[in-house]
Amino acid sequence: DKGTLTAPVEGTLDTATGWFAAASTSLTGTDGYVDTTGRLRFRGVEDLTDHTFTEHVYGKFCVPKVKKDK
């Protein structure tokens, strides 16, 4: 199935060290992913001189095996 997933995140950034962490506040999908649930988490560090990121992304998505009739 085709579709999109949107997961807005909220988090923190330490402007002295570049360390950051964020987590999704919700997850919504369209088309084939409309019934998908889950979350994302991001942790890492930003190089404050060249603004590049090194991060780890953790996530879990649950997609129903049987689609609901709409």
N, C-alpha and C. Protein backbone atom coordinates (compact mmCIF):
# COMPACT_ATOMS: atom_id res chain seq x y z
N ASP A 1 0.82 -1.19 0.00
CA ASP A 1 0.00 0.00 0.00
C ASP A 1 0.87 1.25 0.00
N LYS A 2 0.35 2.28 -0.57
CA LYS A 2 1.05 3.56 -0.56
C LYS A 2 0.36 4.50 0.42
N GLY A 3 1.12 5.46 0.91
CA GLY A 3 0.59 6.45 1.83
C GLY A 3 1.74 7.17 2.51
N THR A 4 1.40 8.01 3.45
CA THR A 4 2.43 8.75 4.18
C THR A 4 2.19 8.59 5.68
N LEU A 5 3.27 8.74 6.44
CA LEU A 5 3.20 8.78 7.89
C LEU A 5 3.74 10.13 8.34
N THR A 6 3.07 10.73 9.31
CA THR A 6 3.52 11.99 9.88
C THR A 6 3.63 11.81 11.39
N ALA A 7 4.81 12.17 11.92
CA ALA A 7 5.07 12.02 13.36
C ALA A 7 5.71 13.29 13.89
N PRO A 8 4.91 14.28 14.32
CA PRO A 8 5.48 15.49 14.92
C PRO A 8 6.28 15.13 16.18
N VAL A 9 7.37 15.82 16.41
CA VAL A 9 8.21 15.52 17.57
C VAL A 9 8.39 16.75 18.45
N GLU A 10 8.62 16.49 19.73
CA GLU A 10 8.99 17.52 20.69
C GLU A 10 10.22 17.02 21.42
N GLY A 11 11.12 17.95 21.76
CA GLY A 11 12.31 17.51 22.46
C GLY A 11 13.13 18.67 22.99
N THR A 12 14.39 18.33 23.31
CA THR A 12 15.29 19.31 23.87
C THR A 12 16.62 19.31 23.12
N LEU A 13 17.28 20.45 23.13
CA LEU A 13 18.61 20.62 22.56
C LEU A 13 19.45 21.39 23.56
N ASP A 14 20.56 20.82 23.97
CA ASP A 14 21.50 21.52 24.85
C ASP A 14 22.40 22.36 23.96
N THR A 15 22.23 23.66 23.97
CA THR A 15 22.97 24.54 23.08
C THR A 15 24.45 24.67 23.46
N ALA A 16 24.84 24.18 24.62
CA ALA A 16 26.26 24.21 25.01
C ALA A 16 27.01 22.98 24.50
N THR A 17 26.32 21.82 24.48
CA THR A 17 26.99 20.57 24.08
C THR A 17 26.52 20.03 22.74
N GLY A 18 25.34 20.42 22.29
CA GLY A 18 24.77 19.90 21.05
C GLY A 18 23.95 18.64 21.25
N TRP A 19 23.87 18.11 22.47
CA TRP A 19 23.11 16.91 22.73
C TRP A 19 21.62 17.20 22.57
N PHE A 20 20.89 16.26 21.95
CA PHE A 20 19.45 16.45 21.79
C PHE A 20 18.71 15.13 21.95
N ALA A 21 17.44 15.24 22.28
CA ALA A 21 16.53 14.10 22.36
C ALA A 21 15.15 14.59 22.00
N ALA A 22 14.41 13.79 21.27
CA ALA A 22 13.06 14.15 20.88
C ALA A 22 12.23 12.88 20.73
N ALA A 23 10.93 13.03 20.88
CA ALA A 23 10.01 11.91 20.73
C ALA A 23 8.76 12.39 20.02
N SER A 24 8.14 11.48 19.27
CA SER A 24 6.91 11.84 18.59
C SER A 24 5.79 12.03 19.59
N THR A 25 4.94 12.98 19.29
CA THR A 25 3.79 13.26 20.15
C THR A 25 2.53 12.59 19.63
N SER A 26 2.56 12.17 18.38
CA SER A 26 1.44 11.47 17.76
C SER A 26 1.94 10.86 16.45
N LEU A 27 1.12 10.05 15.86
CA LEU A 27 1.45 9.45 14.57
C LEU A 27 0.17 9.36 13.77
N THR A 28 0.17 9.91 12.57
CA THR A 28 -1.00 9.82 11.70
C THR A 28 -0.56 9.30 10.34
N GLY A 29 -1.46 8.61 9.68
CA GLY A 29 -1.14 8.07 8.37
C GLY A 29 -2.25 8.36 7.38
N THR A 30 -1.90 8.24 6.11
CA THR A 30 -2.87 8.41 5.04
C THR A 30 -2.91 7.14 4.20
N ASP A 31 -3.95 7.03 3.42
CA ASP A 31 -4.12 5.92 2.47
C ASP A 31 -3.88 4.57 3.14
N GLY A 32 -2.90 3.81 2.72
CA GLY A 32 -2.65 2.48 3.27
C GLY A 32 -2.15 2.46 4.69
N TYR A 33 -1.78 3.62 5.24
CA TYR A 33 -1.26 3.70 6.60
C TYR A 33 -2.21 4.41 7.57
N VAL A 34 -3.45 4.58 7.17
CA VAL A 34 -4.39 5.36 7.98
C VAL A 34 -4.62 4.74 9.37
N ASP A 35 -4.53 3.43 9.52
CA ASP A 35 -4.75 2.77 10.81
C ASP A 35 -3.45 2.44 11.54
N THR A 36 -2.33 2.97 11.08
CA THR A 36 -1.04 2.71 11.70
C THR A 36 -0.90 3.47 13.01
N THR A 37 -0.32 2.82 13.99
CA THR A 37 -0.01 3.46 15.27
C THR A 37 1.47 3.27 15.56
N GLY A 38 1.99 4.01 16.51
CA GLY A 38 3.38 3.84 16.88
C GLY A 38 4.00 5.12 17.38
N ARG A 39 5.35 5.10 17.44
CA ARG A 39 6.06 6.29 17.91
C ARG A 39 7.50 6.24 17.41
N LEU A 40 8.14 7.40 17.45
CA LEU A 40 9.55 7.54 17.09
C LEU A 40 10.29 8.26 18.20
N ARG A 41 11.57 7.93 18.38
CA ARG A 41 12.43 8.64 19.33
C ARG A 41 13.75 8.93 18.63
N PHE A 42 14.30 10.08 18.87
CA PHE A 42 15.58 10.51 18.30
C PHE A 42 16.51 10.92 19.43
N ARG A 43 17.76 10.48 19.36
CA ARG A 43 18.78 10.92 20.33
C ARG A 43 20.08 11.09 19.58
N GLY A 44 20.82 12.12 19.95
CA GLY A 44 22.10 12.31 19.28
C GLY A 44 22.77 13.60 19.70
N VAL A 45 23.66 14.03 18.81
CA VAL A 45 24.41 15.25 19.08
C VAL A 45 24.57 16.03 17.78
N GLU A 46 24.48 17.35 17.90
CA GLU A 46 24.71 18.24 16.77
C GLU A 46 26.11 18.83 16.93
N ASP A 47 26.90 18.79 15.85
CA ASP A 47 28.18 19.49 15.86
C ASP A 47 27.87 20.97 15.72
N LEU A 48 28.11 21.73 16.76
CA LEU A 48 27.69 23.13 16.79
C LEU A 48 28.55 24.04 15.90
N THR A 49 29.63 23.53 15.34
CA THR A 49 30.44 24.35 14.43
C THR A 49 29.99 24.20 12.99
N ASP A 50 29.66 22.99 12.56
CA ASP A 50 29.23 22.83 11.16
C ASP A 50 27.76 22.41 11.01
N HIS A 51 27.05 22.30 12.14
CA HIS A 51 25.61 22.03 12.17
C HIS A 51 25.22 20.70 11.54
N THR A 52 26.10 19.70 11.65
CA THR A 52 25.75 18.35 11.22
C THR A 52 25.27 17.56 12.43
N PHE A 53 24.50 16.52 12.17
CA PHE A 53 23.92 15.72 13.23
C PHE A 53 24.40 14.28 13.15
N THR A 54 24.63 13.69 14.31
CA THR A 54 24.78 12.25 14.44
C THR A 54 23.65 11.83 15.35
N GLU A 55 22.78 10.94 14.87
CA GLU A 55 21.61 10.60 15.67
C GLU A 55 21.26 9.13 15.53
N HIS A 56 20.56 8.66 16.53
CA HIS A 56 19.98 7.32 16.53
C HIS A 56 18.48 7.50 16.49
N VAL A 57 17.83 6.75 15.62
CA VAL A 57 16.39 6.81 15.50
C VAL A 57 15.83 5.47 15.94
N TYR A 58 14.90 5.51 16.87
CA TYR A 58 14.25 4.31 17.37
C TYR A 58 12.76 4.45 17.06
N GLY A 59 12.15 3.37 16.65
CA GLY A 59 10.73 3.47 16.36
C GLY A 59 10.04 2.13 16.35
N LYS A 60 8.74 2.21 16.47
CA LYS A 60 7.90 1.03 16.38
C LYS A 60 6.60 1.45 15.71
N PHE A 61 6.25 0.74 14.66
CA PHE A 61 5.01 1.00 13.96
C PHE A 61 4.18 -0.27 13.95
N CYS A 62 2.91 -0.13 14.22
CA CYS A 62 1.99 -1.25 14.20
C CYS A 62 0.96 -1.01 13.09
N VAL A 63 0.92 -1.94 12.16
CA VAL A 63 0.00 -1.85 11.03
C VAL A 63 -0.97 -3.02 11.13
N PRO A 64 -2.27 -2.77 11.20
CA PRO A 64 -3.23 -3.88 11.29
C PRO A 64 -3.12 -4.81 10.09
N LYS A 65 -3.22 -6.11 10.35
CA LYS A 65 -3.18 -7.09 9.27
C LYS A 65 -4.45 -7.03 8.42
N VAL A 66 -5.56 -6.73 9.07
CA VAL A 66 -6.84 -6.65 8.37
C VAL A 66 -7.29 -5.21 8.38
N LYS A 67 -7.58 -4.69 7.20
CA LYS A 67 -8.01 -3.29 7.10
C LYS A 67 -9.48 -3.16 7.49
N LYS A 68 -9.78 -2.08 8.17
CA LYS A 68 -11.16 -1.77 8.54
C LYS A 68 -11.90 -1.27 7.33
N ASP A 69 -13.18 -1.64 7.21
CA ASP A 69 -14.01 -1.10 6.15
C ASP A 69 -14.35 0.33 6.49
N LYS A 70 -14.25 1.19 5.52
CA LYS A 70 -14.52 2.61 5.77
C LYS A 70 -15.77 3.01 5.03
